[in-house]
Amino acid sequence: TDTKGGFRGRSMSRSSWVAGISGIMLMVAAAGAQSAAVDTAPSG
């Protein structure tokens, strides 16, 4: 983050982008599935 409140992208290879985006997708999928699964503890 920069001091003005925006996000700054550091120097990054294409492979880093692909790996990073894949990581986010897996992360949000896991979090969503955990919160929605019937057998998990209530998380409302």
ModelCIF file with pLDDT and N, C-alpha, C, O atoms, coordinates in Angstrom:
data_MODEL
#
_entry.id   MODEL 
#
_entity.id                         1 
_entity.type                       polymer 
_entity.pdbx_number_of_molecules   1 
#
_entity_poly.entity_id                      1 
_entity_poly.type                           'polypeptide(L)' 
_entity_poly.nstd_linkage                   no 
_entity_poly.nstd_monomer                   no 
_entity_poly.pdbx_seq_one_letter_code       TDTKGGFRGRSMSRSSWVAGISGIMLMVAAAGAQSAAVDTAPSG 
_entity_poly.pdbx_seq_one_letter_code_can   TDTKGGFRGRSMSRSSWVAGISGIMLMVAAAGAQSAAVDTAPSG 
_entity_poly.pdbx_strand_id                 A 
#
loop_
_entity_poly_seq.entity_id 
_entity_poly_seq.num 
_entity_poly_seq.mon_id 
_entity_poly_seq.hetero 
1 1  THR n 
1 2  ASP n 
1 3  THR n 
1 4  LYS n 
1 5  GLY n 
1 6  GLY n 
1 7  PHE n 
1 8  ARG n 
1 9  GLY n 
1 10 ARG n 
1 11 SER n 
1 12 MET n 
1 13 SER n 
1 14 ARG n 
1 15 SER n 
1 16 SER n 
1 17 TRP n 
1 18 VAL n 
1 19 ALA n 
1 20 GLY n 
1 21 ILE n 
1 22 SER n 
1 23 GLY n 
1 24 ILE n 
1 25 MET n 
1 26 LEU n 
1 27 MET n 
1 28 VAL n 
1 29 ALA n 
1 30 ALA n 
1 31 ALA n 
1 32 GLY n 
1 33 ALA n 
1 34 GLN n 
1 35 SER n 
1 36 ALA n 
1 37 ALA n 
1 38 VAL n 
1 39 ASP n 
1 40 THR n 
1 41 ALA n 
1 42 PRO n 
1 43 SER n 
1 44 GLY n 
#
_struct_asym.id          A 
_struct_asym.entity_id   1 
#
loop_
_ma_qa_metric.id 
_ma_qa_metric.mode 
_ma_qa_metric.name 
_ma_qa_metric.software_group_id 
_ma_qa_metric.type 
1 global pLDDT . pLDDT 
2 local  pLDDT . pLDDT 
#
_ma_qa_metric_global.metric_id      1 
_ma_qa_metric_global.metric_value   43.48 
_ma_qa_metric_global.model_id       1 
_ma_qa_metric_global.ordinal_id     1 
#
loop_
_ma_qa_metric_local.label_asym_id 
_ma_qa_metric_local.label_comp_id 
_ma_qa_metric_local.label_seq_id 
_ma_qa_metric_local.metric_id 
_ma_qa_metric_local.metric_value 
_ma_qa_metric_local.model_id 
_ma_qa_metric_local.ordinal_id 
A THR 1  2 35.00 1 1  
A ASP 2  2 37.00 1 2  
A THR 3  2 34.00 1 3  
A LYS 4  2 38.00 1 4  
A GLY 5  2 37.00 1 5  
A GLY 6  2 38.00 1 6  
A PHE 7  2 36.00 1 7  
A ARG 8  2 38.00 1 8  
A GLY 9  2 38.00 1 9  
A ARG 10 2 38.00 1 10 
A SER 11 2 37.00 1 11 
A MET 12 2 40.00 1 12 
A SER 13 2 42.00 1 13 
A ARG 14 2 42.00 1 14 
A SER 15 2 43.00 1 15 
A SER 16 2 45.00 1 16 
A TRP 17 2 46.00 1 17 
A VAL 18 2 46.00 1 18 
A ALA 19 2 45.00 1 19 
A GLY 20 2 49.00 1 20 
A ILE 21 2 52.00 1 21 
A SER 22 2 50.00 1 22 
A GLY 23 2 53.00 1 23 
A ILE 24 2 54.00 1 24 
A MET 25 2 54.00 1 25 
A LEU 26 2 52.00 1 26 
A MET 27 2 53.00 1 27 
A VAL 28 2 54.00 1 28 
A ALA 29 2 52.00 1 29 
A ALA 30 2 52.00 1 30 
A ALA 31 2 50.00 1 31 
A GLY 32 2 48.00 1 32 
A ALA 33 2 47.00 1 33 
A GLN 34 2 46.00 1 34 
A SER 35 2 44.00 1 35 
A ALA 36 2 41.00 1 36 
A ALA 37 2 38.00 1 37 
A VAL 38 2 33.00 1 38 
A ASP 39 2 34.00 1 39 
A THR 40 2 33.00 1 40 
A ALA 41 2 32.00 1 41 
A PRO 42 2 35.00 1 42 
A SER 43 2 44.00 1 43 
A GLY 44 2 58.00 1 44 
#
loop_
_atom_site.group_PDB 
_atom_site.id 
_atom_site.type_symbol 
_atom_site.label_atom_id 
_atom_site.label_alt_id 
_atom_site.label_comp_id 
_atom_site.label_asym_id 
_atom_site.label_entity_id 
_atom_site.label_seq_id 
_atom_site.pdbx_PDB_ins_code 
_atom_site.Cartn_x 
_atom_site.Cartn_y 
_atom_site.Cartn_z 
_atom_site.occupancy 
_atom_site.B_iso_or_equiv 
_atom_site.pdbx_formal_charge 
_atom_site.auth_seq_id 
_atom_site.auth_comp_id 
_atom_site.auth_asym_id 
_atom_site.auth_atom_id 
_atom_site.pdbx_PDB_model_num 
ATOM 1   N N  . THR A 1 1  ? 0.842   -1.174  0.000   1.00 35.00 ? 1  THR A N  1 
ATOM 2   C CA . THR A 1 1  ? 0.000   0.000   0.000   1.00 35.00 ? 1  THR A CA 1 
ATOM 3   C C  . THR A 1 1  ? 0.881   1.229   0.000   1.00 35.00 ? 1  THR A C  1 
ATOM 4   O O  . THR A 1 1  ? 1.980   1.216   0.555   1.00 35.00 ? 1  THR A O  1 
ATOM 5   N N  . ASP A 1 2  ? 0.398   2.296   -0.626  1.00 37.00 ? 2  ASP A N  1 
ATOM 6   C CA . ASP A 1 2  ? 1.144   3.536   -0.579  1.00 37.00 ? 2  ASP A CA 1 
ATOM 7   C C  . ASP A 1 2  ? 0.537   4.443   0.474   1.00 37.00 ? 2  ASP A C  1 
ATOM 8   O O  . ASP A 1 2  ? -0.510  4.136   1.046   1.00 37.00 ? 2  ASP A O  1 
ATOM 9   N N  . THR A 1 3  ? 1.202   5.563   0.727   1.00 34.00 ? 3  THR A N  1 
ATOM 10  C CA . THR A 1 3  ? 0.745   6.463   1.777   1.00 34.00 ? 3  THR A CA 1 
ATOM 11  C C  . THR A 1 3  ? -0.499  7.216   1.380   1.00 34.00 ? 3  THR A C  1 
ATOM 12  O O  . THR A 1 3  ? -1.096  7.895   2.217   1.00 34.00 ? 3  THR A O  1 
ATOM 13  N N  . LYS A 1 4  ? -0.914  7.119   0.117   1.00 38.00 ? 4  LYS A N  1 
ATOM 14  C CA . LYS A 1 4  ? -2.129  7.788   -0.331  1.00 38.00 ? 4  LYS A CA 1 
ATOM 15  C C  . LYS A 1 4  ? -3.335  6.851   -0.316  1.00 38.00 ? 4  LYS A C  1 
ATOM 16  O O  . LYS A 1 4  ? -4.440  7.242   -0.694  1.00 38.00 ? 4  LYS A O  1 
ATOM 17  N N  . GLY A 1 5  ? -3.118  5.624   0.121   1.00 37.00 ? 5  GLY A N  1 
ATOM 18  C CA . GLY A 1 5  ? -4.248  4.723   0.265   1.00 37.00 ? 5  GLY A CA 1 
ATOM 19  C C  . GLY A 1 5  ? -4.469  3.804   -0.907  1.00 37.00 ? 5  GLY A C  1 
ATOM 20  O O  . GLY A 1 5  ? -5.408  3.009   -0.880  1.00 37.00 ? 5  GLY A O  1 
ATOM 21  N N  . GLY A 1 6  ? -3.651  3.874   -1.933  1.00 38.00 ? 6  GLY A N  1 
ATOM 22  C CA . GLY A 1 6  ? -3.793  2.974   -3.067  1.00 38.00 ? 6  GLY A CA 1 
ATOM 23  C C  . GLY A 1 6  ? -2.853  1.812   -2.941  1.00 38.00 ? 6  GLY A C  1 
ATOM 24  O O  . GLY A 1 6  ? -2.040  1.761   -2.018  1.00 38.00 ? 6  GLY A O  1 
ATOM 25  N N  . PHE A 1 7  ? -2.955  0.868   -3.865  1.00 36.00 ? 7  PHE A N  1 
ATOM 26  C CA . PHE A 1 7  ? -2.078  -0.288  -3.862  1.00 36.00 ? 7  PHE A CA 1 
ATOM 27  C C  . PHE A 1 7  ? -0.994  -0.080  -4.902  1.00 36.00 ? 7  PHE A C  1 
ATOM 28  O O  . PHE A 1 7  ? -1.280  0.331   -6.026  1.00 36.00 ? 7  PHE A O  1 
ATOM 29  N N  . ARG A 1 8  ? 0.242   -0.359  -4.537  1.00 38.00 ? 8  ARG A N  1 
ATOM 30  C CA . ARG A 1 8  ? 1.326   -0.216  -5.487  1.00 38.00 ? 8  ARG A CA 1 
ATOM 31  C C  . ARG A 1 8  ? 1.835   -1.597  -5.857  1.00 38.00 ? 8  ARG A C  1 
ATOM 32  O O  . ARG A 1 8  ? 2.053   -2.433  -4.980  1.00 38.00 ? 8  ARG A O  1 
ATOM 33  N N  . GLY A 1 9  ? 2.022   -1.840  -7.114  1.00 38.00 ? 9  GLY A N  1 
ATOM 34  C CA . GLY A 1 9  ? 2.514   -3.134  -7.552  1.00 38.00 ? 9  GLY A CA 1 
ATOM 35  C C  . GLY A 1 9  ? 4.019   -3.099  -7.694  1.00 38.00 ? 9  GLY A C  1 
ATOM 36  O O  . GLY A 1 9  ? 4.544   -2.268  -8.435  1.00 38.00 ? 9  GLY A O  1 
ATOM 37  N N  . ARG A 1 10 ? 4.719   -3.968  -7.015  1.00 38.00 ? 10 ARG A N  1 
ATOM 38  C CA . ARG A 1 10 ? 6.162   -4.052  -7.138  1.00 38.00 ? 10 ARG A CA 1 
ATOM 39  C C  . ARG A 1 10 ? 6.524   -4.818  -8.399  1.00 38.00 ? 10 ARG A C  1 
ATOM 40  O O  . ARG A 1 10 ? 5.666   -5.416  -9.047  1.00 38.00 ? 10 ARG A O  1 
ATOM 41  N N  . SER A 1 11 ? 7.792   -4.792  -8.732  1.00 37.00 ? 11 SER A N  1 
ATOM 42  C CA . SER A 1 11 ? 8.239   -5.498  -9.924  1.00 37.00 ? 11 SER A CA 1 
ATOM 43  C C  . SER A 1 11 ? 7.878   -6.972  -9.801  1.00 37.00 ? 11 SER A C  1 
ATOM 44  O O  . SER A 1 11 ? 8.151   -7.605  -8.781  1.00 37.00 ? 11 SER A O  1 
ATOM 45  N N  . MET A 1 12 ? 7.270   -7.506  -10.837 1.00 40.00 ? 12 MET A N  1 
ATOM 46  C CA . MET A 1 12 ? 6.687   -8.819  -10.731 1.00 40.00 ? 12 MET A CA 1 
ATOM 47  C C  . MET A 1 12 ? 6.743   -9.556  -12.051 1.00 40.00 ? 12 MET A C  1 
ATOM 48  O O  . MET A 1 12 ? 6.413   -8.981  -13.089 1.00 40.00 ? 12 MET A O  1 
ATOM 49  N N  . SER A 1 13 ? 7.146   -10.800 -12.040 1.00 42.00 ? 13 SER A N  1 
ATOM 50  C CA . SER A 1 13 ? 7.171   -11.599 -13.249 1.00 42.00 ? 13 SER A CA 1 
ATOM 51  C C  . SER A 1 13 ? 5.772   -12.114 -13.552 1.00 42.00 ? 13 SER A C  1 
ATOM 52  O O  . SER A 1 13 ? 4.903   -12.135 -12.681 1.00 42.00 ? 13 SER A O  1 
ATOM 53  N N  . ARG A 1 14 ? 5.562   -12.533 -14.813 1.00 42.00 ? 14 ARG A N  1 
ATOM 54  C CA . ARG A 1 14 ? 4.264   -13.069 -15.184 1.00 42.00 ? 14 ARG A CA 1 
ATOM 55  C C  . ARG A 1 14 ? 3.941   -14.307 -14.366 1.00 42.00 ? 14 ARG A C  1 
ATOM 56  O O  . ARG A 1 14 ? 2.792   -14.511 -13.975 1.00 42.00 ? 14 ARG A O  1 
ATOM 57  N N  . SER A 1 15 ? 4.943   -15.132 -14.105 1.00 43.00 ? 15 SER A N  1 
ATOM 58  C CA . SER A 1 15 ? 4.692   -16.346 -13.320 1.00 43.00 ? 15 SER A CA 1 
ATOM 59  C C  . SER A 1 15 ? 4.252   -16.004 -11.905 1.00 43.00 ? 15 SER A C  1 
ATOM 60  O O  . SER A 1 15 ? 3.437   -16.715 -11.316 1.00 43.00 ? 15 SER A O  1 
ATOM 61  N N  . SER A 1 16 ? 4.799   -14.896 -11.345 1.00 45.00 ? 16 SER A N  1 
ATOM 62  C CA . SER A 1 16 ? 4.389   -14.478 -10.007 1.00 45.00 ? 16 SER A CA 1 
ATOM 63  C C  . SER A 1 16 ? 2.922   -14.078 -9.998  1.00 45.00 ? 16 SER A C  1 
ATOM 64  O O  . SER A 1 16 ? 2.184   -14.398 -9.066  1.00 45.00 ? 16 SER A O  1 
ATOM 65  N N  . TRP A 1 17 ? 2.502   -13.363 -11.063 1.00 46.00 ? 17 TRP A N  1 
ATOM 66  C CA . TRP A 1 17 ? 1.096   -12.979 -11.155 1.00 46.00 ? 17 TRP A CA 1 
ATOM 67  C C  . TRP A 1 17 ? 0.200   -14.202 -11.214 1.00 46.00 ? 17 TRP A C  1 
ATOM 68  O O  . TRP A 1 17 ? -0.793  -14.292 -10.493 1.00 46.00 ? 17 TRP A O  1 
ATOM 69  N N  . VAL A 1 18 ? 0.558   -15.143 -12.078 1.00 46.00 ? 18 VAL A N  1 
ATOM 70  C CA . VAL A 1 18 ? -0.277  -16.332 -12.238 1.00 46.00 ? 18 VAL A CA 1 
ATOM 71  C C  . VAL A 1 18 ? -0.362  -17.097 -10.934 1.00 46.00 ? 18 VAL A C  1 
ATOM 72  O O  . VAL A 1 18 ? -1.446  -17.501 -10.514 1.00 46.00 ? 18 VAL A O  1 
ATOM 73  N N  . ALA A 1 19 ? 0.790   -17.301 -10.284 1.00 45.00 ? 19 ALA A N  1 
ATOM 74  C CA . ALA A 1 19 ? 0.800   -18.031 -9.024  1.00 45.00 ? 19 ALA A CA 1 
ATOM 75  C C  . ALA A 1 19 ? 0.021   -17.286 -7.957  1.00 45.00 ? 19 ALA A C  1 
ATOM 76  O O  . ALA A 1 19 ? -0.687  -17.895 -7.154  1.00 45.00 ? 19 ALA A O  1 
ATOM 77  N N  . GLY A 1 20 ? 0.153   -15.947 -7.949  1.00 49.00 ? 20 GLY A N  1 
ATOM 78  C CA . GLY A 1 20 ? -0.543  -15.157 -6.943  1.00 49.00 ? 20 GLY A CA 1 
ATOM 79  C C  . GLY A 1 20 ? -2.041  -15.198 -7.118  1.00 49.00 ? 20 GLY A C  1 
ATOM 80  O O  . GLY A 1 20 ? -2.779  -15.382 -6.149  1.00 49.00 ? 20 GLY A O  1 
ATOM 81  N N  . ILE A 1 21 ? -2.506  -15.025 -8.364  1.00 52.00 ? 21 ILE A N  1 
ATOM 82  C CA . ILE A 1 21 ? -3.934  -15.066 -8.619  1.00 52.00 ? 21 ILE A CA 1 
ATOM 83  C C  . ILE A 1 21 ? -4.498  -16.443 -8.287  1.00 52.00 ? 21 ILE A C  1 
ATOM 84  O O  . ILE A 1 21 ? -5.583  -16.554 -7.718  1.00 52.00 ? 21 ILE A O  1 
ATOM 85  N N  . SER A 1 22 ? -3.755  -17.494 -8.646  1.00 50.00 ? 22 SER A N  1 
ATOM 86  C CA . SER A 1 22 ? -4.202  -18.847 -8.316  1.00 50.00 ? 22 SER A CA 1 
ATOM 87  C C  . SER A 1 22 ? -4.321  -19.012 -6.808  1.00 50.00 ? 22 SER A C  1 
ATOM 88  O O  . SER A 1 22 ? -5.264  -19.631 -6.315  1.00 50.00 ? 22 SER A O  1 
ATOM 89  N N  . GLY A 1 23 ? -3.355  -18.451 -6.078  1.00 53.00 ? 23 GLY A N  1 
ATOM 90  C CA . GLY A 1 23 ? -3.392  -18.543 -4.623  1.00 53.00 ? 23 GLY A CA 1 
ATOM 91  C C  . GLY A 1 23 ? -4.607  -17.857 -4.035  1.00 53.00 ? 23 GLY A C  1 
ATOM 92  O O  . GLY A 1 23 ? -5.224  -18.372 -3.103  1.00 53.00 ? 23 GLY A O  1 
ATOM 93  N N  . ILE A 1 24 ? -4.958  -16.696 -4.575  1.00 54.00 ? 24 ILE A N  1 
ATOM 94  C CA . ILE A 1 24 ? -6.137  -15.984 -4.083  1.00 54.00 ? 24 ILE A CA 1 
ATOM 95  C C  . ILE A 1 24 ? -7.395  -16.790 -4.341  1.00 54.00 ? 24 ILE A C  1 
ATOM 96  O O  . ILE A 1 24 ? -8.254  -16.900 -3.466  1.00 54.00 ? 24 ILE A O  1 
ATOM 97  N N  . MET A 1 25 ? -7.513  -17.356 -5.537  1.00 54.00 ? 25 MET A N  1 
ATOM 98  C CA . MET A 1 25 ? -8.699  -18.132 -5.864  1.00 54.00 ? 25 MET A CA 1 
ATOM 99  C C  . MET A 1 25 ? -8.850  -19.328 -4.940  1.00 54.00 ? 25 MET A C  1 
ATOM 100 O O  . MET A 1 25 ? -9.954  -19.631 -4.485  1.00 54.00 ? 25 MET A O  1 
ATOM 101 N N  . LEU A 1 26 ? -7.748  -20.004 -4.662  1.00 52.00 ? 26 LEU A N  1 
ATOM 102 C CA . LEU A 1 26 ? -7.810  -21.144 -3.753  1.00 52.00 ? 26 LEU A CA 1 
ATOM 103 C C  . LEU A 1 26 ? -8.156  -20.703 -2.344  1.00 52.00 ? 26 LEU A C  1 
ATOM 104 O O  . LEU A 1 26 ? -8.910  -21.375 -1.641  1.00 52.00 ? 26 LEU A O  1 
ATOM 105 N N  . MET A 1 27 ? -7.594  -19.554 -1.928  1.00 53.00 ? 27 MET A N  1 
ATOM 106 C CA . MET A 1 27 ? -7.833  -19.048 -0.590  1.00 53.00 ? 27 MET A CA 1 
ATOM 107 C C  . MET A 1 27 ? -9.300  -18.694 -0.382  1.00 53.00 ? 27 MET A C  1 
ATOM 108 O O  . MET A 1 27 ? -9.900  -19.087 0.618   1.00 53.00 ? 27 MET A O  1 
ATOM 109 N N  . VAL A 1 28 ? -9.879  -17.951 -1.325  1.00 54.00 ? 28 VAL A N  1 
ATOM 110 C CA . VAL A 1 28 ? -11.275 -17.545 -1.157  1.00 54.00 ? 28 VAL A CA 1 
ATOM 111 C C  . VAL A 1 28 ? -12.210 -18.732 -1.312  1.00 54.00 ? 28 VAL A C  1 
ATOM 112 O O  . VAL A 1 28 ? -13.258 -18.784 -0.669  1.00 54.00 ? 28 VAL A O  1 
ATOM 113 N N  . ALA A 1 29 ? -11.843 -19.682 -2.154  1.00 52.00 ? 29 ALA A N  1 
ATOM 114 C CA . ALA A 1 29 ? -12.683 -20.869 -2.302  1.00 52.00 ? 29 ALA A CA 1 
ATOM 115 C C  . ALA A 1 29 ? -12.706 -21.667 -1.002  1.00 52.00 ? 29 ALA A C  1 
ATOM 116 O O  . ALA A 1 29 ? -13.763 -22.119 -0.561  1.00 52.00 ? 29 ALA A O  1 
ATOM 117 N N  . ALA A 1 30 ? -11.537 -21.837 -0.395  1.00 52.00 ? 30 ALA A N  1 
ATOM 118 C CA . ALA A 1 30 ? -11.461 -22.588 0.860   1.00 52.00 ? 30 ALA A CA 1 
ATOM 119 C C  . ALA A 1 30 ? -12.214 -21.887 1.969   1.00 52.00 ? 30 ALA A C  1 
ATOM 120 O O  . ALA A 1 30 ? -12.922 -22.528 2.746   1.00 52.00 ? 30 ALA A O  1 
ATOM 121 N N  . ALA A 1 31 ? -12.065 -20.565 2.050   1.00 50.00 ? 31 ALA A N  1 
ATOM 122 C CA . ALA A 1 31 ? -12.758 -19.811 3.097   1.00 50.00 ? 31 ALA A CA 1 
ATOM 123 C C  . ALA A 1 31 ? -14.263 -19.868 2.905   1.00 50.00 ? 31 ALA A C  1 
ATOM 124 O O  . ALA A 1 31 ? -15.012 -20.038 3.867   1.00 50.00 ? 31 ALA A O  1 
ATOM 125 N N  . GLY A 1 32 ? -14.706 -19.725 1.660   1.00 48.00 ? 32 GLY A N  1 
ATOM 126 C CA . GLY A 1 32 ? -16.135 -19.772 1.398   1.00 48.00 ? 32 GLY A CA 1 
ATOM 127 C C  . GLY A 1 32 ? -16.722 -21.134 1.684   1.00 48.00 ? 32 GLY A C  1 
ATOM 128 O O  . GLY A 1 32 ? -17.810 -21.242 2.249   1.00 48.00 ? 32 GLY A O  1 
ATOM 129 N N  . ALA A 1 33 ? -16.006 -22.178 1.296   1.00 47.00 ? 33 ALA A N  1 
ATOM 130 C CA . ALA A 1 33 ? -16.506 -23.530 1.525   1.00 47.00 ? 33 ALA A CA 1 
ATOM 131 C C  . ALA A 1 33 ? -16.566 -23.837 3.017   1.00 47.00 ? 33 ALA A C  1 
ATOM 132 O O  . ALA A 1 33 ? -17.509 -24.470 3.493   1.00 47.00 ? 33 ALA A O  1 
ATOM 133 N N  . GLN A 1 34 ? -15.561 -23.386 3.744   1.00 46.00 ? 34 GLN A N  1 
ATOM 134 C CA . GLN A 1 34 ? -15.541 -23.653 5.176   1.00 46.00 ? 34 GLN A CA 1 
ATOM 135 C C  . GLN A 1 34 ? -16.705 -22.962 5.874   1.00 46.00 ? 34 GLN A C  1 
ATOM 136 O O  . GLN A 1 34 ? -17.331 -23.537 6.765   1.00 46.00 ? 34 GLN A O  1 
ATOM 137 N N  . SER A 1 35 ? -16.996 -21.720 5.468   1.00 44.00 ? 35 SER A N  1 
ATOM 138 C CA . SER A 1 35 ? -18.064 -20.985 6.128   1.00 44.00 ? 35 SER A CA 1 
ATOM 139 C C  . SER A 1 35 ? -19.435 -21.538 5.772   1.00 44.00 ? 35 SER A C  1 
ATOM 140 O O  . SER A 1 35 ? -20.380 -21.404 6.550   1.00 44.00 ? 35 SER A O  1 
ATOM 141 N N  . ALA A 1 36 ? -19.551 -22.163 4.592   1.00 41.00 ? 36 ALA A N  1 
ATOM 142 C CA . ALA A 1 36 ? -20.859 -22.629 4.138   1.00 41.00 ? 36 ALA A CA 1 
ATOM 143 C C  . ALA A 1 36 ? -21.132 -24.086 4.470   1.00 41.00 ? 36 ALA A C  1 
ATOM 144 O O  . ALA A 1 36 ? -22.286 -24.514 4.452   1.00 41.00 ? 36 ALA A O  1 
ATOM 145 N N  . ALA A 1 37 ? -20.100 -24.853 4.772   1.00 38.00 ? 37 ALA A N  1 
ATOM 146 C CA . ALA A 1 37 ? -20.291 -26.283 4.986   1.00 38.00 ? 37 ALA A CA 1 
ATOM 147 C C  . ALA A 1 37 ? -21.183 -26.551 6.187   1.00 38.00 ? 37 ALA A C  1 
ATOM 148 O O  . ALA A 1 37 ? -21.105 -25.852 7.198   1.00 38.00 ? 37 ALA A O  1 
ATOM 149 N N  . VAL A 1 38 ? -22.020 -27.554 6.072   1.00 33.00 ? 38 VAL A N  1 
ATOM 150 C CA . VAL A 1 38 ? -22.988 -27.857 7.122   1.00 33.00 ? 38 VAL A CA 1 
ATOM 151 C C  . VAL A 1 38 ? -22.301 -28.327 8.386   1.00 33.00 ? 38 VAL A C  1 
ATOM 152 O O  . VAL A 1 38 ? -22.753 -28.022 9.490   1.00 33.00 ? 38 VAL A O  1 
ATOM 153 N N  . ASP A 1 39 ? -21.207 -29.071 8.237   1.00 34.00 ? 39 ASP A N  1 
ATOM 154 C CA . ASP A 1 39 ? -20.588 -29.702 9.394   1.00 34.00 ? 39 ASP A CA 1 
ATOM 155 C C  . ASP A 1 39 ? -19.655 -28.772 10.166  1.00 34.00 ? 39 ASP A C  1 
ATOM 156 O O  . ASP A 1 39 ? -19.148 -29.166 11.217  1.00 34.00 ? 39 ASP A O  1 
ATOM 157 N N  . THR A 1 40 ? -19.413 -27.560 9.686   1.00 33.00 ? 40 THR A N  1 
ATOM 158 C CA . THR A 1 40 ? -18.521 -26.659 10.400  1.00 33.00 ? 40 THR A CA 1 
ATOM 159 C C  . THR A 1 40 ? -19.278 -25.942 11.503  1.00 33.00 ? 40 THR A C  1 
ATOM 160 O O  . THR A 1 40 ? -20.508 -25.925 11.527  1.00 33.00 ? 40 THR A O  1 
ATOM 161 N N  . ALA A 1 41 ? -18.509 -25.345 12.426  1.00 32.00 ? 41 ALA A N  1 
ATOM 162 C CA . ALA A 1 41 ? -19.134 -24.607 13.515  1.00 32.00 ? 41 ALA A CA 1 
ATOM 163 C C  . ALA A 1 41 ? -19.840 -23.371 12.974  1.00 32.00 ? 41 ALA A C  1 
ATOM 164 O O  . ALA A 1 41 ? -19.424 -22.841 11.943  1.00 32.00 ? 41 ALA A O  1 
ATOM 165 N N  . PRO A 1 42 ? -20.899 -22.890 13.638  1.00 35.00 ? 42 PRO A N  1 
ATOM 166 C CA . PRO A 1 42 ? -21.597 -21.694 13.178  1.00 35.00 ? 42 PRO A CA 1 
ATOM 167 C C  . PRO A 1 42 ? -20.638 -20.522 13.071  1.00 35.00 ? 42 PRO A C  1 
ATOM 168 O O  . PRO A 1 42 ? -19.812 -20.300 13.956  1.00 35.00 ? 42 PRO A O  1 
ATOM 169 N N  . SER A 1 43 ? -20.753 -19.773 11.979  1.00 44.00 ? 43 SER A N  1 
ATOM 170 C CA . SER A 1 43 ? -19.830 -18.654 11.782  1.00 44.00 ? 43 SER A CA 1 
ATOM 171 C C  . SER A 1 43 ? -20.589 -17.397 11.394  1.00 44.00 ? 43 SER A C  1 
ATOM 172 O O  . SER A 1 43 ? -20.022 -16.509 10.757  1.00 44.00 ? 43 SER A O  1 
ATOM 173 N N  . GLY A 1 44 ? -21.874 -17.303 11.768  1.00 58.00 ? 44 GLY A N  1 
ATOM 174 C CA . GLY A 1 44 ? -22.680 -16.169 11.351  1.00 58.00 ? 44 GLY A CA 1 
ATOM 175 C C  . GLY A 1 44 ? -22.190 -14.881 11.967  1.00 58.00 ? 44 GLY A C  1 
ATOM 176 O O  . GLY A 1 44 ? -22.763 -13.820 11.717  1.00 58.00 ? 44 GLY A O  1 
#
